[in-house]
Amino acid sequence: MIKKDIIPMILLIASFFAFFIVVCLDGGRYHWSTVPLWGKIIGFIGFVIVFIITVLVMKENSYASKVVRVDKEGEHKVITTGPYAVVRHPMYSGSILWFFSMSIALGSLYGLIPVVFITILLIVRISYEEKLLHEELEGYTEYTKKVKKRLV
């Protein structure tokens, strides 16, 4: 059986490849666009913020997985502490910030075009993930009432 989110995932992977191709060609080889030094510095500051977010997420949620599923045997539970007390999907927030920061830090404004698609596709993925978590993860519905924000 084909999973419902297979098309968005294929598009997301294609967007990842497009991102790296565009950033390498624009920021590295052809310089179709320019980002001032202060912009690149802001991009690198974004990297530091993403690193901190990632460390905090991994500290709180050892269950983070690339596959959307609930591990009922492994006592999968709702995480409500750390960054999860602020937003429901802090790893996705960090990922989006990482792509924006990478594009700017490497001097590619055109790299922001695939970032828009990546952001939209991650939001689509979140909708599939939220549906599954509401259905299969005990306590998730109550958690969403306390933490209203998904990404920001």
N, C-alpha and C. Protein backbone atom coordinates (compact mmCIF):
# COMPACT_ATOMS: atom_id res chain seq x y z
N MET A 1 0.84 -1.19 0.00
CA MET A 1 0.00 0.00 0.00
C MET A 1 0.89 1.25 0.00
N ILE A 2 0.58 2.20 -0.85
CA ILE A 2 1.35 3.43 -0.95
C ILE A 2 0.89 4.39 0.14
N LYS A 3 1.84 4.93 0.86
CA LYS A 3 1.52 5.89 1.90
C LYS A 3 0.97 7.16 1.27
N LYS A 4 0.09 7.84 1.99
CA LYS A 4 -0.54 9.06 1.49
C LYS A 4 0.47 10.17 1.24
N ASP A 5 1.54 10.17 2.01
CA ASP A 5 2.48 11.29 1.89
C ASP A 5 3.64 11.00 0.94
N ILE A 6 3.53 9.99 0.10
CA ILE A 6 4.65 9.62 -0.78
C ILE A 6 4.93 10.71 -1.82
N ILE A 7 3.89 11.30 -2.40
CA ILE A 7 4.09 12.36 -3.40
C ILE A 7 4.75 13.59 -2.77
N PRO A 8 4.23 14.09 -1.64
CA PRO A 8 4.93 15.22 -1.02
C PRO A 8 6.38 14.89 -0.64
N MET A 9 6.64 13.66 -0.24
CA MET A 9 8.01 13.29 0.12
C MET A 9 8.92 13.26 -1.11
N ILE A 10 8.43 12.77 -2.22
CA ILE A 10 9.21 12.77 -3.46
C ILE A 10 9.50 14.22 -3.88
N LEU A 11 8.48 15.07 -3.80
CA LEU A 11 8.67 16.49 -4.13
C LEU A 11 9.63 17.16 -3.16
N LEU A 12 9.58 16.77 -1.90
CA LEU A 12 10.49 17.34 -0.90
C LEU A 12 11.94 16.96 -1.20
N ILE A 13 12.15 15.71 -1.53
CA ILE A 13 13.51 15.26 -1.89
C ILE A 13 14.00 15.98 -3.14
N ALA A 14 13.12 16.13 -4.13
CA ALA A 14 13.48 16.87 -5.35
C ALA A 14 13.82 18.32 -5.01
N SER A 15 13.07 18.91 -4.09
CA SER A 15 13.34 20.29 -3.67
C SER A 15 14.68 20.40 -2.96
N PHE A 16 15.03 19.39 -2.16
CA PHE A 16 16.35 19.38 -1.50
C PHE A 16 17.45 19.42 -2.56
N PHE A 17 17.33 18.54 -3.57
CA PHE A 17 18.34 18.51 -4.63
C PHE A 17 18.39 19.84 -5.37
N ALA A 18 17.21 20.38 -5.69
CA ALA A 18 17.16 21.67 -6.39
C ALA A 18 17.83 22.75 -5.55
N PHE A 19 17.59 22.72 -4.25
CA PHE A 19 18.20 23.71 -3.36
C PHE A 19 19.72 23.68 -3.48
N PHE A 20 20.30 22.50 -3.32
CA PHE A 20 21.76 22.39 -3.34
C PHE A 20 22.34 22.75 -4.71
N ILE A 21 21.65 22.37 -5.77
CA ILE A 21 22.12 22.72 -7.12
C ILE A 21 22.10 24.23 -7.32
N VAL A 22 20.98 24.86 -6.98
CA VAL A 22 20.85 26.31 -7.16
C VAL A 22 21.86 27.06 -6.30
N VAL A 23 21.99 26.68 -5.03
CA VAL A 23 22.92 27.38 -4.12
C VAL A 23 24.35 27.22 -4.61
N CYS A 24 24.71 26.04 -5.06
CA CYS A 24 26.08 25.83 -5.55
C CYS A 24 26.35 26.64 -6.82
N LEU A 25 25.40 26.64 -7.73
CA LEU A 25 25.60 27.39 -8.98
C LEU A 25 25.56 28.90 -8.75
N ASP A 26 24.62 29.35 -7.94
CA ASP A 26 24.47 30.79 -7.70
C ASP A 26 25.54 31.30 -6.74
N GLY A 27 25.60 30.73 -5.57
CA GLY A 27 26.52 31.23 -4.55
C GLY A 27 27.97 30.85 -4.77
N GLY A 28 28.20 29.76 -5.48
CA GLY A 28 29.56 29.28 -5.63
C GLY A 28 30.20 29.52 -6.97
N ARG A 29 29.47 29.32 -8.05
CA ARG A 29 30.10 29.36 -9.37
C ARG A 29 29.77 30.59 -10.20
N TYR A 30 28.47 30.86 -10.38
CA TYR A 30 28.08 31.90 -11.33
C TYR A 30 27.71 33.24 -10.69
N HIS A 31 27.41 33.24 -9.43
CA HIS A 31 27.08 34.48 -8.69
C HIS A 31 25.97 35.28 -9.39
N TRP A 32 24.85 34.60 -9.65
CA TRP A 32 23.71 35.26 -10.27
C TRP A 32 23.13 36.34 -9.36
N SER A 33 23.24 36.14 -8.06
CA SER A 33 22.74 37.12 -7.10
C SER A 33 23.86 37.43 -6.12
N THR A 34 23.70 38.51 -5.38
CA THR A 34 24.71 38.86 -4.39
C THR A 34 24.04 39.11 -3.05
N VAL A 35 24.72 38.68 -2.03
CA VAL A 35 24.29 38.92 -0.65
C VAL A 35 25.41 39.71 0.01
N PRO A 36 25.08 40.84 0.62
CA PRO A 36 26.14 41.62 1.29
C PRO A 36 26.72 40.86 2.47
N LEU A 37 27.88 41.27 2.89
CA LEU A 37 28.57 40.61 4.00
C LEU A 37 27.70 40.53 5.24
N TRP A 38 27.01 41.62 5.57
CA TRP A 38 26.16 41.59 6.76
C TRP A 38 25.07 40.53 6.63
N GLY A 39 24.56 40.31 5.41
CA GLY A 39 23.57 39.27 5.18
C GLY A 39 24.15 37.88 5.40
N LYS A 40 25.37 37.68 4.91
CA LYS A 40 26.03 36.39 5.12
C LYS A 40 26.28 36.14 6.60
N ILE A 41 26.64 37.17 7.33
CA ILE A 41 26.85 37.04 8.78
C ILE A 41 25.55 36.62 9.46
N ILE A 42 24.44 37.25 9.06
CA ILE A 42 23.14 36.86 9.61
C ILE A 42 22.85 35.39 9.29
N GLY A 43 23.19 34.96 8.08
CA GLY A 43 23.01 33.56 7.70
C GLY A 43 23.80 32.63 8.61
N PHE A 44 25.03 32.99 8.92
CA PHE A 44 25.84 32.14 9.80
C PHE A 44 25.33 32.17 11.24
N ILE A 45 24.77 33.31 11.67
CA ILE A 45 24.15 33.36 12.99
C ILE A 45 22.95 32.40 13.02
N GLY A 46 22.23 32.33 11.91
CA GLY A 46 21.13 31.37 11.80
C GLY A 46 21.61 29.94 12.00
N PHE A 47 22.79 29.62 11.49
CA PHE A 47 23.37 28.28 11.70
C PHE A 47 23.54 27.98 13.19
N VAL A 48 24.04 28.96 13.92
CA VAL A 48 24.26 28.78 15.36
C VAL A 48 22.93 28.53 16.06
N ILE A 49 21.92 29.30 15.68
CA ILE A 49 20.59 29.12 16.27
C ILE A 49 20.05 27.73 15.95
N VAL A 50 20.21 27.28 14.71
CA VAL A 50 19.75 25.95 14.32
C VAL A 50 20.49 24.87 15.10
N PHE A 51 21.77 25.04 15.31
CA PHE A 51 22.54 24.07 16.09
C PHE A 51 21.98 23.97 17.51
N ILE A 52 21.70 25.11 18.12
CA ILE A 52 21.15 25.12 19.49
C ILE A 52 19.77 24.44 19.51
N ILE A 53 18.93 24.77 18.54
CA ILE A 53 17.60 24.14 18.46
C ILE A 53 17.75 22.63 18.34
N THR A 54 18.64 22.19 17.46
CA THR A 54 18.83 20.75 17.23
C THR A 54 19.30 20.04 18.50
N VAL A 55 20.23 20.63 19.21
CA VAL A 55 20.72 20.03 20.46
C VAL A 55 19.59 19.93 21.48
N LEU A 56 18.82 21.00 21.61
CA LEU A 56 17.71 20.99 22.57
C LEU A 56 16.65 19.95 22.20
N VAL A 57 16.35 19.84 20.90
CA VAL A 57 15.35 18.86 20.45
C VAL A 57 15.85 17.45 20.73
N MET A 58 17.10 17.17 20.38
CA MET A 58 17.64 15.82 20.59
C MET A 58 17.73 15.48 22.08
N LYS A 59 17.98 16.47 22.89
CA LYS A 59 18.04 16.26 24.35
C LYS A 59 16.67 15.85 24.88
N GLU A 60 15.63 16.49 24.38
CA GLU A 60 14.28 16.24 24.87
C GLU A 60 13.62 15.03 24.24
N ASN A 61 13.91 14.79 22.95
CA ASN A 61 13.17 13.78 22.20
C ASN A 61 14.13 12.79 21.56
N SER A 62 14.41 11.72 22.26
CA SER A 62 15.29 10.69 21.71
C SER A 62 14.58 9.85 20.66
N TYR A 63 13.28 10.07 20.50
CA TYR A 63 12.51 9.28 19.54
C TYR A 63 12.48 9.91 18.15
N ALA A 64 13.05 11.08 17.96
CA ALA A 64 12.98 11.75 16.66
C ALA A 64 13.31 10.76 15.54
N SER A 65 12.46 10.76 14.51
CA SER A 65 12.60 9.79 13.44
C SER A 65 12.28 10.43 12.10
N LYS A 66 12.88 9.92 11.03
CA LYS A 66 12.58 10.44 9.70
C LYS A 66 11.28 9.88 9.16
N VAL A 67 10.75 8.85 9.79
CA VAL A 67 9.52 8.21 9.37
C VAL A 67 8.40 8.61 10.33
N VAL A 68 7.25 8.96 9.79
CA VAL A 68 6.11 9.32 10.62
C VAL A 68 5.42 8.04 11.07
N ARG A 69 5.58 7.71 12.35
CA ARG A 69 4.93 6.53 12.91
C ARG A 69 4.94 6.63 14.42
N VAL A 70 4.06 5.90 15.07
CA VAL A 70 4.00 5.86 16.52
C VAL A 70 4.47 4.49 16.95
N ASP A 71 5.48 4.45 17.80
CA ASP A 71 6.03 3.19 18.30
C ASP A 71 5.31 2.83 19.59
N LYS A 72 4.27 2.03 19.48
CA LYS A 72 3.47 1.68 20.64
C LYS A 72 4.21 0.73 21.58
N GLU A 73 5.09 -0.09 21.03
CA GLU A 73 5.85 -1.03 21.86
C GLU A 73 6.96 -0.32 22.63
N GLY A 74 7.50 0.73 22.04
CA GLY A 74 8.61 1.45 22.67
C GLY A 74 8.16 2.56 23.60
N GLU A 75 6.88 2.53 23.98
CA GLU A 75 6.33 3.52 24.89
C GLU A 75 6.52 4.94 24.37
N HIS A 76 6.21 5.14 23.11
CA HIS A 76 6.25 6.46 22.49
C HIS A 76 5.30 7.37 23.26
N LYS A 77 5.78 8.55 23.67
CA LYS A 77 4.93 9.46 24.43
C LYS A 77 5.11 10.88 23.93
N VAL A 78 4.18 11.72 24.30
CA VAL A 78 4.21 13.13 23.92
C VAL A 78 5.31 13.83 24.72
N ILE A 79 6.15 14.58 24.02
CA ILE A 79 7.18 15.38 24.67
C ILE A 79 6.63 16.78 24.84
N THR A 80 6.65 17.29 26.07
CA THR A 80 6.07 18.60 26.35
C THR A 80 7.07 19.58 26.96
N THR A 81 8.32 19.19 27.02
CA THR A 81 9.34 20.02 27.66
C THR A 81 10.32 20.57 26.62
N GLY A 82 11.17 21.48 27.07
CA GLY A 82 12.17 22.07 26.19
C GLY A 82 11.49 22.83 25.06
N PRO A 83 12.02 22.73 23.83
CA PRO A 83 11.43 23.47 22.72
C PRO A 83 10.00 23.01 22.40
N TYR A 84 9.65 21.78 22.80
CA TYR A 84 8.30 21.27 22.57
C TYR A 84 7.25 21.98 23.43
N ALA A 85 7.69 22.72 24.43
CA ALA A 85 6.76 23.53 25.22
C ALA A 85 6.40 24.82 24.49
N VAL A 86 7.17 25.16 23.45
CA VAL A 86 6.94 26.39 22.69
C VAL A 86 6.25 26.11 21.36
N VAL A 87 6.76 25.13 20.60
CA VAL A 87 6.17 24.74 19.31
C VAL A 87 6.10 23.22 19.24
N ARG A 88 5.14 22.73 18.47
CA ARG A 88 4.94 21.27 18.38
C ARG A 88 5.95 20.58 17.49
N HIS A 89 6.57 21.30 16.57
CA HIS A 89 7.51 20.69 15.63
C HIS A 89 8.80 21.50 15.55
N PRO A 90 9.56 21.55 16.63
CA PRO A 90 10.77 22.38 16.62
C PRO A 90 11.85 21.90 15.65
N MET A 91 11.91 20.61 15.35
CA MET A 91 12.92 20.13 14.41
C MET A 91 12.60 20.62 12.99
N TYR A 92 11.33 20.66 12.64
CA TYR A 92 10.96 21.22 11.34
C TYR A 92 11.25 22.71 11.31
N SER A 93 10.98 23.41 12.40
CA SER A 93 11.30 24.85 12.48
C SER A 93 12.78 25.06 12.25
N GLY A 94 13.59 24.25 12.92
CA GLY A 94 15.04 24.35 12.75
C GLY A 94 15.48 24.02 11.33
N SER A 95 14.85 23.05 10.72
CA SER A 95 15.19 22.67 9.34
C SER A 95 14.91 23.81 8.37
N ILE A 96 13.77 24.43 8.53
CA ILE A 96 13.42 25.54 7.64
C ILE A 96 14.40 26.68 7.84
N LEU A 97 14.70 27.01 9.09
CA LEU A 97 15.68 28.07 9.37
C LEU A 97 17.05 27.70 8.80
N TRP A 98 17.41 26.41 8.86
CA TRP A 98 18.70 25.96 8.32
C TRP A 98 18.79 26.24 6.82
N PHE A 99 17.73 25.90 6.08
CA PHE A 99 17.76 26.12 4.63
C PHE A 99 17.83 27.61 4.29
N PHE A 100 17.03 28.43 4.98
CA PHE A 100 17.12 29.88 4.75
C PHE A 100 18.51 30.39 5.07
N SER A 101 19.05 29.98 6.22
CA SER A 101 20.37 30.44 6.65
C SER A 101 21.46 29.99 5.69
N MET A 102 21.40 28.75 5.23
CA MET A 102 22.40 28.21 4.31
C MET A 102 22.42 29.02 3.02
N SER A 103 21.25 29.29 2.47
CA SER A 103 21.18 30.03 1.23
C SER A 103 21.79 31.42 1.38
N ILE A 104 21.42 32.11 2.43
CA ILE A 104 21.93 33.47 2.66
C ILE A 104 23.42 33.45 2.99
N ALA A 105 23.83 32.56 3.86
CA ALA A 105 25.25 32.49 4.26
C ALA A 105 26.15 32.19 3.07
N LEU A 106 25.67 31.39 2.13
CA LEU A 106 26.48 31.05 0.96
C LEU A 106 26.29 32.03 -0.20
N GLY A 107 25.53 33.09 0.05
CA GLY A 107 25.42 34.17 -0.93
C GLY A 107 24.47 33.91 -2.08
N SER A 108 23.43 33.13 -1.86
CA SER A 108 22.51 32.80 -2.94
C SER A 108 21.08 33.23 -2.61
N LEU A 109 20.64 34.30 -3.23
CA LEU A 109 19.24 34.69 -3.09
C LEU A 109 18.32 33.76 -3.88
N TYR A 110 18.81 33.25 -5.01
CA TYR A 110 18.00 32.31 -5.79
C TYR A 110 17.78 31.00 -5.06
N GLY A 111 18.65 30.68 -4.12
CA GLY A 111 18.47 29.49 -3.31
C GLY A 111 17.23 29.56 -2.44
N LEU A 112 16.71 30.77 -2.24
CA LEU A 112 15.50 30.93 -1.43
C LEU A 112 14.25 30.41 -2.17
N ILE A 113 14.33 30.31 -3.48
CA ILE A 113 13.17 29.80 -4.25
C ILE A 113 12.86 28.35 -3.87
N PRO A 114 13.85 27.43 -3.92
CA PRO A 114 13.53 26.07 -3.47
C PRO A 114 13.19 26.01 -1.98
N VAL A 115 13.71 26.96 -1.19
CA VAL A 115 13.40 26.97 0.25
C VAL A 115 11.90 27.21 0.46
N VAL A 116 11.30 28.02 -0.37
CA VAL A 116 9.86 28.25 -0.28
C VAL A 116 9.11 26.93 -0.51
N PHE A 117 9.52 26.18 -1.53
CA PHE A 117 8.88 24.88 -1.80
C PHE A 117 9.14 23.89 -0.66
N ILE A 118 10.36 23.88 -0.14
CA ILE A 118 10.69 23.00 0.98
C ILE A 118 9.80 23.33 2.18
N THR A 119 9.63 24.61 2.46
CA THR A 119 8.79 25.03 3.59
C THR A 119 7.35 24.58 3.40
N ILE A 120 6.81 24.79 2.21
CA ILE A 120 5.43 24.37 1.92
C ILE A 120 5.29 22.86 2.07
N LEU A 121 6.24 22.11 1.54
CA LEU A 121 6.16 20.65 1.60
C LEU A 121 6.34 20.13 3.03
N LEU A 122 7.16 20.81 3.84
CA LEU A 122 7.28 20.42 5.25
C LEU A 122 5.97 20.69 5.98
N ILE A 123 5.29 21.76 5.64
CA ILE A 123 3.99 22.05 6.25
C ILE A 123 2.98 20.96 5.86
N VAL A 124 3.02 20.51 4.62
CA VAL A 124 2.16 19.41 4.19
C VAL A 124 2.50 18.15 5.00
N ARG A 125 3.79 17.87 5.15
CA ARG A 125 4.21 16.70 5.94
C ARG A 125 3.72 16.80 7.38
N ILE A 126 3.79 18.00 7.94
CA ILE A 126 3.31 18.19 9.31
C ILE A 126 1.82 17.86 9.40
N SER A 127 1.05 18.23 8.39
CA SER A 127 -0.39 17.93 8.43
C SER A 127 -0.63 16.42 8.47
N TYR A 128 0.13 15.65 7.69
CA TYR A 128 0.01 14.18 7.74
C TYR A 128 0.44 13.66 9.11
N GLU A 129 1.54 14.20 9.60
CA GLU A 129 2.07 13.75 10.89
C GLU A 129 1.09 14.06 12.02
N GLU A 130 0.54 15.26 12.01
CA GLU A 130 -0.41 15.64 13.07
C GLU A 130 -1.64 14.74 13.06
N LYS A 131 -2.14 14.42 11.87
CA LYS A 131 -3.31 13.54 11.77
C LYS A 131 -3.00 12.19 12.42
N LEU A 132 -1.85 11.62 12.10
CA LEU A 132 -1.46 10.34 12.66
C LEU A 132 -1.29 10.44 14.18
N LEU A 133 -0.64 11.49 14.66
CA LEU A 133 -0.40 11.63 16.09
C LEU A 133 -1.71 11.82 16.86
N HIS A 134 -2.65 12.57 16.29
CA HIS A 134 -3.97 12.72 16.93
C HIS A 134 -4.66 11.37 17.05
N GLU A 135 -4.54 10.54 16.02
CA GLU A 135 -5.22 9.25 15.99
C GLU A 135 -4.54 8.20 16.87
N GLU A 136 -3.20 8.20 16.91
CA GLU A 136 -2.50 7.06 17.50
C GLU A 136 -1.68 7.35 18.75
N LEU A 137 -1.40 8.60 19.06
CA LEU A 137 -0.54 8.90 20.21
C LEU A 137 -1.36 9.46 21.35
N GLU A 138 -1.44 8.70 22.40
CA GLU A 138 -2.22 9.10 23.57
C GLU A 138 -1.67 10.40 24.16
N GLY A 139 -2.57 11.34 24.38
CA GLY A 139 -2.20 12.61 25.00
C GLY A 139 -1.84 13.70 24.00
N TYR A 140 -1.76 13.37 22.72
CA TYR A 140 -1.35 14.38 21.74
C TYR A 140 -2.42 15.46 21.55
N THR A 141 -3.68 15.09 21.54
CA THR A 141 -4.75 16.08 21.37
C THR A 141 -4.73 17.09 22.51
N GLU A 142 -4.53 16.63 23.74
CA GLU A 142 -4.45 17.54 24.89
C GLU A 142 -3.22 18.45 24.76
N TYR A 143 -2.13 17.90 24.29
CA TYR A 143 -0.90 18.68 24.08
C TYR A 143 -1.13 19.81 23.07
N THR A 144 -1.88 19.52 21.98
CA THR A 144 -2.12 20.55 20.97
C THR A 144 -3.00 21.67 21.49
N LYS A 145 -3.76 21.39 22.52
CA LYS A 145 -4.59 22.44 23.13
C LYS A 145 -3.72 23.38 23.96
N LYS A 146 -2.65 22.85 24.52
CA LYS A 146 -1.73 23.67 25.33
C LYS A 146 -0.71 24.40 24.47
N VAL A 147 -0.16 23.69 23.48
CA VAL A 147 0.85 24.29 22.59
C VAL A 147 0.18 24.48 21.23
N LYS A 148 -0.23 25.70 20.95
CA LYS A 148 -1.00 26.00 19.75
C LYS A 148 -0.14 26.12 18.51
N LYS A 149 1.11 26.56 18.66
CA LYS A 149 1.95 26.85 17.51
C LYS A 149 2.62 25.58 16.99
N ARG A 150 2.56 25.40 15.67
CA ARG A 150 3.20 24.23 15.07
C ARG A 150 4.67 24.49 14.78
N LEU A 151 5.00 25.65 14.19
CA LEU A 151 6.37 25.93 13.76
C LEU A 151 6.99 27.15 14.43
N VAL A 152 6.23 28.23 14.50
CA VAL A 152 6.80 29.51 14.97
C VAL A 152 5.98 30.03 16.12
